[in-house]
Amino acid sequence: MSPLSHAQQVFDHISNAIFYMITDNVKPYVKHDFPFEGMKITKERVDNLLTLKIDKIQMLLIVVRVVHVQVYLKGEMYKEMPTKN
């Protein structure tokens, strides 16, 4: 997402009286179909915090190197990135 597209998304949120926001890589701000899924990731983290739990399976997968990305890089955008390299 370009800085200009990010700014446009922020101001679109503000014009709709949305002052707490997670900007996401979605159309029309980007030209692809691989969103970051920031709201989903944030909800998952908050749910874990409120229950005082850690998503241990994600940490285990990283420790045994089944996955090669950091825990928070789970969205569709990050699933697609390895196919582009």
C-alpha atoms as a PDB file:
ATOM      1  CA  MET A   1       0.000   0.000   0.000  1.00  0.00           C
ATOM      2  CA  SER A   2       1.399   3.366  -0.928  1.00  0.00           C
ATOM      3  CA  PRO A   3       1.562   6.194   1.610  1.00  0.00           C
ATOM      4  CA  LEU A   4      -1.045   8.072  -0.433  1.00  0.00           C
ATOM      5  CA  SER A   5      -3.450   5.114  -0.406  1.00  0.00           C
ATOM      6  CA  HIS A   6      -2.899   4.666   3.316  1.00  0.00           C
ATOM      7  CA  ALA A   7      -3.680   8.344   3.920  1.00  0.00           C
ATOM      8  CA  GLN A   8      -6.812   8.106   1.785  1.00  0.00           C
ATOM      9  CA  GLN A   9      -8.018   5.105   3.779  1.00  0.00           C
ATOM     10  CA  VAL A  10      -7.379   6.938   7.065  1.00  0.00           C
ATOM     11  CA  PHE A  11      -9.295  10.017   5.912  1.00  0.00           C
ATOM     12  CA  ASP A  12     -12.131   7.847   4.604  1.00  0.00           C
ATOM     13  CA  HIS A  13     -12.407   6.305   8.068  1.00  0.00           C
ATOM     14  CA  ILE A  14     -12.351   9.724   9.727  1.00  0.00           C
ATOM     15  CA  SER A  15     -15.041  11.047   7.376  1.00  0.00           C
ATOM     16  CA  ASN A  16     -17.232   8.150   8.557  1.00  0.00           C
ATOM     17  CA  ALA A  17     -16.536   9.024  12.219  1.00  0.00           C
ATOM     18  CA  ILE A  18     -14.290   5.976  12.690  1.00  0.00           C
ATOM     19  CA  PHE A  19     -11.440   7.242  14.814  1.00  0.00           C
ATOM     20  CA  TYR A  20      -9.983   3.952  16.023  1.00  0.00           C
ATOM     21  CA  MET A  21      -8.877   2.041  12.985  1.00  0.00           C
ATOM     22  CA  ILE A  22      -6.673  -0.594  11.558  1.00  0.00           C
ATOM     23  CA  THR A  23      -6.080   0.224   7.947  1.00  0.00           C
ATOM     24  CA  ASP A  24      -6.055  -2.863   5.783  1.00  0.00           C
ATOM     25  CA  ASN A  25      -4.776  -3.795   2.350  1.00  0.00           C
ATOM     26  CA  VAL A  26      -8.151  -3.958   0.620  1.00  0.00           C
ATOM     27  CA  LYS A  27      -9.552  -2.570  -2.591  1.00  0.00           C
ATOM     28  CA  PRO A  28      -9.838   0.251  -3.643  1.00  0.00           C
ATOM     29  CA  TYR A  29      -6.705   1.188  -1.678  1.00  0.00           C
ATOM     30  CA  VAL A  30      -4.622  -1.607  -3.217  1.00  0.00           C
ATOM     31  CA  LYS A  31      -4.815  -3.488  -6.502  1.00  0.00           C
ATOM     32  CA  HIS A  32      -4.726  -7.035  -5.139  1.00  0.00           C
ATOM     33  CA  ASP A  33      -6.930  -9.425  -3.163  1.00  0.00           C
ATOM     34  CA  PHE A  34      -4.600 -10.283  -0.296  1.00  0.00           C
ATOM     35  CA  PRO A  35      -5.683  -8.347   2.795  1.00  0.00           C
ATOM     36  CA  PHE A  36      -3.490  -8.074   5.869  1.00  0.00           C
ATOM     37  CA  GLU A  37      -6.490  -9.040   8.064  1.00  0.00           C
ATOM     38  CA  GLY A  38      -5.464  -6.649  10.810  1.00  0.00           C
ATOM     39  CA  MET A  39      -8.819  -6.765  12.614  1.00  0.00           C
ATOM     40  CA  LYS A  40      -8.712 -10.572  12.772  1.00  0.00           C
ATOM     41  CA  ILE A  41      -5.153 -10.559  14.123  1.00  0.00           C
ATOM     42  CA  THR A  42      -5.990  -7.864  16.680  1.00  0.00           C
ATOM     43  CA  LYS A  43      -9.091  -9.724  17.870  1.00  0.00           C
ATOM     44  CA  GLU A  44      -7.072 -12.924  18.265  1.00  0.00           C
ATOM     45  CA  ARG A  45      -4.458 -11.122  20.359  1.00  0.00           C
ATOM     46  CA  VAL A  46      -7.020  -9.344  22.528  1.00  0.00           C
ATOM     47  CA  ASP A  47      -8.950 -12.581  23.088  1.00  0.00           C
ATOM     48  CA  ASN A  48      -5.731 -14.233  24.252  1.00  0.00           C
ATOM     49  CA  LEU A  49      -4.926 -11.310  26.539  1.00  0.00           C
ATOM     50  CA  LEU A  50      -8.382 -11.311  28.099  1.00  0.00           C
ATOM     51  CA  THR A  51      -8.220 -15.046  28.800  1.00  0.00           C
ATOM     52  CA  LEU A  52      -4.592 -14.768  29.928  1.00  0.00           C
ATOM     53  CA  LYS A  53      -3.557 -17.379  27.362  1.00  0.00           C
ATOM     54  CA  ILE A  54      -0.822 -17.616  24.775  1.00  0.00           C
ATOM     55  CA  ASP A  55      -1.410 -19.145  21.364  1.00  0.00           C
ATOM     56  CA  LYS A  56       1.071 -21.942  22.104  1.00  0.00           C
ATOM     57  CA  ILE A  57       0.565 -23.911  18.894  1.00  0.00           C
ATOM     58  CA  GLN A  58       1.779 -20.952  16.843  1.00  0.00           C
ATOM     59  CA  MET A  59       4.869 -20.618  19.010  1.00  0.00           C
ATOM     60  CA  LEU A  60       5.523 -24.365  18.808  1.00  0.00           C
ATOM     61  CA  LEU A  61       5.290 -24.324  15.019  1.00  0.00           C
ATOM     62  CA  ILE A  62       7.907 -21.591  14.899  1.00  0.00           C
ATOM     63  CA  VAL A  63      10.222 -23.340  17.366  1.00  0.00           C
ATOM     64  CA  VAL A  64      10.198 -26.558  15.317  1.00  0.00           C
ATOM     65  CA  ARG A  65      10.422 -24.494  12.117  1.00  0.00           C
ATOM     66  CA  VAL A  66       7.255 -25.833  10.520  1.00  0.00           C
ATOM     67  CA  VAL A  67       6.462 -22.262   9.547  1.00  0.00           C
ATOM     68  CA  HIS A  68       8.991 -19.653   8.526  1.00  0.00           C
ATOM     69  CA  VAL A  69       7.119 -16.459   9.333  1.00  0.00           C
ATOM     70  CA  GLN A  70       6.479 -14.628  12.544  1.00  0.00           C
ATOM     71  CA  VAL A  71       3.296 -15.404  14.474  1.00  0.00           C
ATOM     72  CA  TYR A  72       1.529 -12.193  13.520  1.00  0.00           C
ATOM     73  CA  LEU A  73       2.067 -12.672   9.786  1.00  0.00           C
ATOM     74  CA  LYS A  74      -0.985 -14.865   9.198  1.00  0.00           C
ATOM     75  CA  GLY A  75      -3.217 -12.965   6.765  1.00  0.00           C
ATOM     76  CA  GLU A  76      -3.927 -13.770   3.141  1.00  0.00           C
ATOM     77  CA  MET A  77      -1.303 -11.239   2.059  1.00  0.00           C
ATOM     78  CA  TYR A  78       1.405 -13.189   3.879  1.00  0.00           C
ATOM     79  CA  LYS A  79       0.174 -16.539   2.579  1.00  0.00           C
ATOM     80  CA  GLU A  80       0.520 -15.221  -0.963  1.00  0.00           C
ATOM     81  CA  MET A  81       3.950 -13.594  -0.528  1.00  0.00           C
ATOM     82  CA  PRO A  82       6.037 -16.806  -0.770  1.00  0.00           C
ATOM     83  CA  THR A  83       4.452 -17.588  -4.134  1.00  0.00           C
ATOM     84  CA  LYS A  84       5.689 -14.239  -5.506  1.00  0.00           C
ATOM     85  CA  ASN A  85       9.376 -14.721  -4.627  1.00  0.00           C
END
